[in-house]
């Protein structure tokens, strides 16, 4: 094998090796960002379980756009203030809050919209459990959210989904 050919193989090997290290570094940074966003979300859930309204709301940006479960269209949003009032209502009506069986996903490789690998958008799935304060009835519901974090780690858009009617019916059926 000639020296030029050996150098060519070496150069190709080095180029591919450098690209692989760069990809691994980006994946590592994305994973760290994802884990940070999940930790921010979990601190919010811990605050809800403790009924610490102020701590819960501190995770949201002032410019928050909240699409609650009562919205008919995905383009309908409420403000941070509206979410704050809704939270106060839940905290007054329920106790013993727990989000169980959580699953977290970031980005989407396959999508009907533009695919993304961004760790700044996470999807959360889980089961909420509460006790109705007045009646003592334990209620639960499946829940899903799509959460958008800004560069400061604050939630700036929050899509909140669950079956409100099914959740409400539990109060009547027990």
C-alpha atoms as a PDB file:
ATOM      1  CA  UNK A   1       0.000   0.000   0.000  1.00  0.00           C
ATOM      2  CA  UNK A   2       1.363   3.374  -0.912  1.00  0.00           C
ATOM      3  CA  UNK A   3       2.017   6.114   1.596  1.00  0.00           C
ATOM      4  CA  UNK A   4      -0.563   8.380  -0.051  1.00  0.00           C
ATOM      5  CA  UNK A   5      -3.221   5.698   0.189  1.00  0.00           C
ATOM      6  CA  UNK A   6      -2.401   5.075   3.882  1.00  0.00           C
ATOM      7  CA  UNK A   7      -2.589   8.795   4.591  1.00  0.00           C
ATOM      8  CA  UNK A   8      -5.932   8.973   2.776  1.00  0.00           C
ATOM      9  CA  UNK A   9      -7.362   6.160   4.913  1.00  0.00           C
ATOM     10  CA  UNK A  10      -6.001   7.788   8.034  1.00  0.00           C
ATOM     11  CA  UNK A  11      -7.519  11.141   7.059  1.00  0.00           C
ATOM     12  CA  UNK A  12     -10.924   9.551   6.349  1.00  0.00           C
ATOM     13  CA  UNK A  13     -10.782   7.685   9.670  1.00  0.00           C
ATOM     14  CA  UNK A  14      -9.947  10.879  11.559  1.00  0.00           C
ATOM     15  CA  UNK A  15     -12.734  12.834   9.859  1.00  0.00           C
ATOM     16  CA  UNK A  16     -15.345  10.239  10.789  1.00  0.00           C
ATOM     17  CA  UNK A  17     -13.984   9.991  14.325  1.00  0.00           C
ATOM     18  CA  UNK A  18     -14.214  13.765  14.812  1.00  0.00           C
ATOM     19  CA  UNK A  19     -17.787  13.843  13.554  1.00  0.00           C
ATOM     20  CA  UNK A  20     -18.757  11.041  15.925  1.00  0.00           C
ATOM     21  CA  UNK A  21     -17.305  12.870  18.955  1.00  0.00           C
ATOM     22  CA  UNK A  22     -19.186  16.044  17.980  1.00  0.00           C
ATOM     23  CA  UNK A  23     -22.482  14.133  17.678  1.00  0.00           C
ATOM     24  CA  UNK A  24     -21.941  12.413  21.016  1.00  0.00           C
ATOM     25  CA  UNK A  25     -21.211  15.772  22.640  1.00  0.00           C
ATOM     26  CA  UNK A  26     -24.413  17.295  21.198  1.00  0.00           C
ATOM     27  CA  UNK A  27     -26.450  14.277  22.316  1.00  0.00           C
ATOM     28  CA  UNK A  28     -24.901  14.564  25.778  1.00  0.00           C
ATOM     29  CA  UNK A  29     -25.741  18.291  25.967  1.00  0.00           C
ATOM     30  CA  UNK A  30     -29.292  17.617  24.774  1.00  0.00           C
ATOM     31  CA  UNK A  31     -29.682  14.835  27.345  1.00  0.00           C
ATOM     32  CA  UNK A  32     -28.464  17.146  30.121  1.00  0.00           C
ATOM     33  CA  UNK A  33     -30.874  19.908  28.997  1.00  0.00           C
ATOM     34  CA  UNK A  34     -33.736  17.391  28.871  1.00  0.00           C
ATOM     35  CA  UNK A  35     -32.915  16.144  32.378  1.00  0.00           C
ATOM     36  CA  UNK A  36     -32.769  19.747  33.648  1.00  0.00           C
ATOM     37  CA  UNK A  37     -36.201  20.485  32.158  1.00  0.00           C
ATOM     38  CA  UNK A  38     -37.630  17.283  33.669  1.00  0.00           C
ATOM     39  CA  UNK A  39     -36.176  18.302  37.055  1.00  0.00           C
ATOM     40  CA  UNK A  40     -37.787  21.762  36.725  1.00  0.00           C
ATOM     41  CA  UNK A  41     -41.100  20.105  35.906  1.00  0.00           C
ATOM     42  CA  UNK A  42     -40.764  17.708  38.861  1.00  0.00           C
ATOM     43  CA  UNK A  43     -40.050  20.620  41.225  1.00  0.00           C
ATOM     44  CA  UNK A  44     -43.317  22.145  40.022  1.00  0.00           C
ATOM     45  CA  UNK A  45     -45.169  18.874  40.746  1.00  0.00           C
ATOM     46  CA  UNK A  46     -43.568  18.651  44.201  1.00  0.00           C
ATOM     47  CA  UNK A  47     -44.783  22.191  44.904  1.00  0.00           C
ATOM     48  CA  UNK A  48     -48.301  21.185  43.815  1.00  0.00           C
ATOM     49  CA  UNK A  49     -48.224  18.137  46.114  1.00  0.00           C
ATOM     50  CA  UNK A  50     -47.136  20.442  48.968  1.00  0.00           C
ATOM     51  CA  UNK A  51     -49.838  22.951  47.944  1.00  0.00           C
ATOM     52  CA  UNK A  52     -47.144  25.603  47.607  1.00  0.00           C
ATOM     53  CA  UNK A  53     -48.812  27.896  45.084  1.00  0.00           C
ATOM     54  CA  UNK A  54     -45.946  30.392  44.849  1.00  0.00           C
ATOM     55  CA  UNK A  55     -43.299  27.720  44.232  1.00  0.00           C
ATOM     56  CA  UNK A  56     -45.499  26.018  41.621  1.00  0.00           C
ATOM     57  CA  UNK A  57     -46.018  29.256  39.697  1.00  0.00           C
ATOM     58  CA  UNK A  58     -42.306  30.196  39.839  1.00  0.00           C
ATOM     59  CA  UNK A  59     -41.528  27.657  37.102  1.00  0.00           C
ATOM     60  CA  UNK A  60     -43.642  29.581  34.554  1.00  0.00           C
ATOM     61  CA  UNK A  61     -42.504  32.568  32.484  1.00  0.00           C
ATOM     62  CA  UNK A  62     -44.543  35.752  32.888  1.00  0.00           C
ATOM     63  CA  UNK A  63     -45.460  35.471  29.196  1.00  0.00           C
ATOM     64  CA  UNK A  64     -46.943  31.967  29.680  1.00  0.00           C
ATOM     65  CA  UNK A  65     -49.507  30.735  27.174  1.00  0.00           C
ATOM     66  CA  UNK A  66     -51.616  28.018  28.848  1.00  0.00           C
ATOM     67  CA  UNK A  67     -53.969  25.804  26.881  1.00  0.00           C
ATOM     68  CA  UNK A  68     -55.989  24.106  29.602  1.00  0.00           C
ATOM     69  CA  UNK A  69     -58.168  21.013  29.302  1.00  0.00           C
ATOM     70  CA  UNK A  70     -61.253  23.184  28.833  1.00  0.00           C
ATOM     71  CA  UNK A  71     -60.000  24.601  25.519  1.00  0.00           C
ATOM     72  CA  UNK A  72     -61.780  23.427  22.395  1.00  0.00           C
ATOM     73  CA  UNK A  73     -58.994  24.342  19.936  1.00  0.00           C
ATOM     74  CA  UNK A  74     -55.224  24.028  20.238  1.00  0.00           C
ATOM     75  CA  UNK A  75     -54.847  27.679  19.295  1.00  0.00           C
ATOM     76  CA  UNK A  76     -56.729  28.896  22.395  1.00  0.00           C
ATOM     77  CA  UNK A  77     -54.624  30.054  25.336  1.00  0.00           C
ATOM     78  CA  UNK A  78     -55.009  31.638  28.737  1.00  0.00           C
ATOM     79  CA  UNK A  79     -52.465  33.652  30.724  1.00  0.00           C
ATOM     80  CA  UNK A  80     -50.251  32.852  33.682  1.00  0.00           C
ATOM     81  CA  UNK A  81     -52.752  34.677  35.882  1.00  0.00           C
ATOM     82  CA  UNK A  82     -55.590  32.402  34.732  1.00  0.00           C
ATOM     83  CA  UNK A  83     -53.482  29.306  35.443  1.00  0.00           C
ATOM     84  CA  UNK A  84     -52.680  30.727  38.882  1.00  0.00           C
ATOM     85  CA  UNK A  85     -56.388  31.149  39.694  1.00  0.00           C
ATOM     86  CA  UNK A  86     -57.190  27.635  38.417  1.00  0.00           C
ATOM     87  CA  UNK A  87     -54.411  26.237  40.606  1.00  0.00           C
ATOM     88  CA  UNK A  88     -55.832  27.998  43.671  1.00  0.00           C
ATOM     89  CA  UNK A  89     -59.193  26.375  42.895  1.00  0.00           C
ATOM     90  CA  UNK A  90     -57.674  22.888  42.676  1.00  0.00           C
ATOM     91  CA  UNK A  91     -55.727  23.398  45.884  1.00  0.00           C
ATOM     92  CA  UNK A  92     -58.908  24.489  47.682  1.00  0.00           C
ATOM     93  CA  UNK A  93     -61.021  21.606  46.342  1.00  0.00           C
ATOM     94  CA  UNK A  94     -58.491  18.734  46.558  1.00  0.00           C
ATOM     95  CA  UNK A  95     -55.710  17.423  48.767  1.00  0.00           C
ATOM     96  CA  UNK A  96     -53.178  14.568  48.728  1.00  0.00           C
ATOM     97  CA  UNK A  97     -52.080  15.366  45.170  1.00  0.00           C
ATOM     98  CA  UNK A  98     -49.770  12.883  43.467  1.00  0.00           C
ATOM     99  CA  UNK A  99     -48.668  12.417  39.866  1.00  0.00           C
ATOM    100  CA  UNK A 100     -47.768   8.745  39.379  1.00  0.00           C
ATOM    101  CA  UNK A 101     -46.505   6.566  36.537  1.00  0.00           C
ATOM    102  CA  UNK A 102     -44.879   9.520  34.769  1.00  0.00           C
ATOM    103  CA  UNK A 103     -43.207   9.146  31.398  1.00  0.00           C
ATOM    104  CA  UNK A 104     -41.159  11.906  29.762  1.00  0.00           C
ATOM    105  CA  UNK A 105     -40.268  12.338  26.092  1.00  0.00           C
ATOM    106  CA  UNK A 106     -38.402  15.107  24.284  1.00  0.00           C
ATOM    107  CA  UNK A 107     -38.562  16.028  20.626  1.00  0.00           C
ATOM    108  CA  UNK A 108     -40.089  13.849  17.946  1.00  0.00           C
ATOM    109  CA  UNK A 109     -38.307  11.993  15.218  1.00  0.00           C
ATOM    110  CA  UNK A 110     -41.531  11.257  13.384  1.00  0.00           C
ATOM    111  CA  UNK A 111     -44.208  13.912  13.273  1.00  0.00           C
ATOM    112  CA  UNK A 112     -46.943  15.351  11.097  1.00  0.00           C
ATOM    113  CA  UNK A 113     -45.306  18.697  11.828  1.00  0.00           C
ATOM    114  CA  UNK A 114     -41.635  19.558  11.500  1.00  0.00           C
ATOM    115  CA  UNK A 115     -39.606  16.868  13.265  1.00  0.00           C
ATOM    116  CA  UNK A 116     -37.523  18.040  16.190  1.00  0.00           C
ATOM    117  CA  UNK A 117     -34.931  16.670  18.569  1.00  0.00           C
ATOM    118  CA  UNK A 118     -35.161  19.678  20.887  1.00  0.00           C
ATOM    119  CA  UNK A 119     -34.921  18.892  24.605  1.00  0.00           C
ATOM    120  CA  UNK A 120     -36.738  22.201  25.268  1.00  0.00           C
ATOM    121  CA  UNK A 121     -40.096  20.638  24.402  1.00  0.00           C
ATOM    122  CA  UNK A 122     -41.132  17.718  26.562  1.00  0.00           C
ATOM    123  CA  UNK A 123     -44.214  15.546  26.635  1.00  0.00           C
ATOM    124  CA  UNK A 124     -45.338  14.205  29.991  1.00  0.00           C
ATOM    125  CA  UNK A 125     -47.773  11.373  30.597  1.00  0.00           C
ATOM    126  CA  UNK A 126     -49.026  10.229  33.982  1.00  0.00           C
ATOM    127  CA  UNK A 127     -51.879   9.494  36.355  1.00  0.00           C
ATOM    128  CA  UNK A 128     -53.062  12.198  38.758  1.00  0.00           C
ATOM    129  CA  UNK A 129     -54.475  11.154  42.125  1.00  0.00           C
ATOM    130  CA  UNK A 130     -56.292  13.531  44.500  1.00  0.00           C
ATOM    131  CA  UNK A 131     -58.717  13.450  47.394  1.00  0.00           C
ATOM    132  CA  UNK A 132     -61.761  15.695  47.183  1.00  0.00           C
ATOM    133  CA  UNK A 133     -61.461  17.791  50.343  1.00  0.00           C
ATOM    134  CA  UNK A 134     -65.170  18.160  51.078  1.00  0.00           C
ATOM    135  CA  UNK A 135     -66.362  14.594  50.398  1.00  0.00           C
ATOM    136  CA  UNK A 136     -63.165  12.643  51.091  1.00  0.00           C
ATOM    137  CA  UNK A 137     -63.576  10.810  47.776  1.00  0.00           C
ATOM    138  CA  UNK A 138     -60.350   9.697  46.078  1.00  0.00           C
ATOM    139  CA  UNK A 139     -60.314  10.603  42.390  1.00  0.00           C
ATOM    140  CA  UNK A 140     -57.809  10.054  39.613  1.00  0.00           C
ATOM    141  CA  UNK A 141     -57.367  10.679  35.921  1.00  0.00           C
ATOM    142  CA  UNK A 142     -54.950  10.092  33.073  1.00  0.00           C
ATOM    143  CA  UNK A 143     -53.094  13.258  32.149  1.00  0.00           C
ATOM    144  CA  UNK A 144     -50.845  14.435  29.349  1.00  0.00           C
ATOM    145  CA  UNK A 145     -49.015  17.704  28.738  1.00  0.00           C
ATOM    146  CA  UNK A 146     -46.755  19.266  26.146  1.00  0.00           C
ATOM    147  CA  UNK A 147     -44.405  21.741  27.795  1.00  0.00           C
ATOM    148  CA  UNK A 148     -42.178  24.315  26.094  1.00  0.00           C
ATOM    149  CA  UNK A 149     -39.200  25.689  28.034  1.00  0.00           C
ATOM    150  CA  UNK A 150     -37.386  28.924  27.223  1.00  0.00           C
ATOM    151  CA  UNK A 151     -33.604  29.452  27.425  1.00  0.00           C
ATOM    152  CA  UNK A 152     -33.963  30.408  31.114  1.00  0.00           C
ATOM    153  CA  UNK A 153     -35.573  27.058  31.972  1.00  0.00           C
ATOM    154  CA  UNK A 154     -39.018  28.606  32.470  1.00  0.00           C
ATOM    155  CA  UNK A 155     -42.166  27.178  30.913  1.00  0.00           C
ATOM    156  CA  UNK A 156     -43.454  29.617  28.291  1.00  0.00           C
ATOM    157  CA  UNK A 157     -46.132  27.408  26.714  1.00  0.00           C
ATOM    158  CA  UNK A 158     -48.106  24.677  28.460  1.00  0.00           C
ATOM    159  CA  UNK A 159     -50.664  22.385  26.772  1.00  0.00           C
ATOM    160  CA  UNK A 160     -52.592  20.564  29.505  1.00  0.00           C
ATOM    161  CA  UNK A 161     -54.864  17.602  28.603  1.00  0.00           C
ATOM    162  CA  UNK A 162     -57.246  15.408  30.582  1.00  0.00           C
ATOM    163  CA  UNK A 163     -60.866  14.310  30.473  1.00  0.00           C
ATOM    164  CA  UNK A 164     -62.591  16.928  32.640  1.00  0.00           C
ATOM    165  CA  UNK A 165     -66.014  15.262  32.360  1.00  0.00           C
ATOM    166  CA  UNK A 166     -64.696  11.822  33.311  1.00  0.00           C
ATOM    167  CA  UNK A 167     -62.810  13.344  36.213  1.00  0.00           C
ATOM    168  CA  UNK A 168     -65.943  15.176  37.422  1.00  0.00           C
ATOM    169  CA  UNK A 169     -68.109  12.037  37.095  1.00  0.00           C
ATOM    170  CA  UNK A 170     -65.949  10.249  39.679  1.00  0.00           C
ATOM    171  CA  UNK A 171     -67.392  12.511  42.361  1.00  0.00           C
ATOM    172  CA  UNK A 172     -70.889  11.280  41.545  1.00  0.00           C
ATOM    173  CA  UNK A 173     -70.123   7.580  41.128  1.00  0.00           C
ATOM    174  CA  UNK A 174     -68.564   6.899  44.515  1.00  0.00           C
END
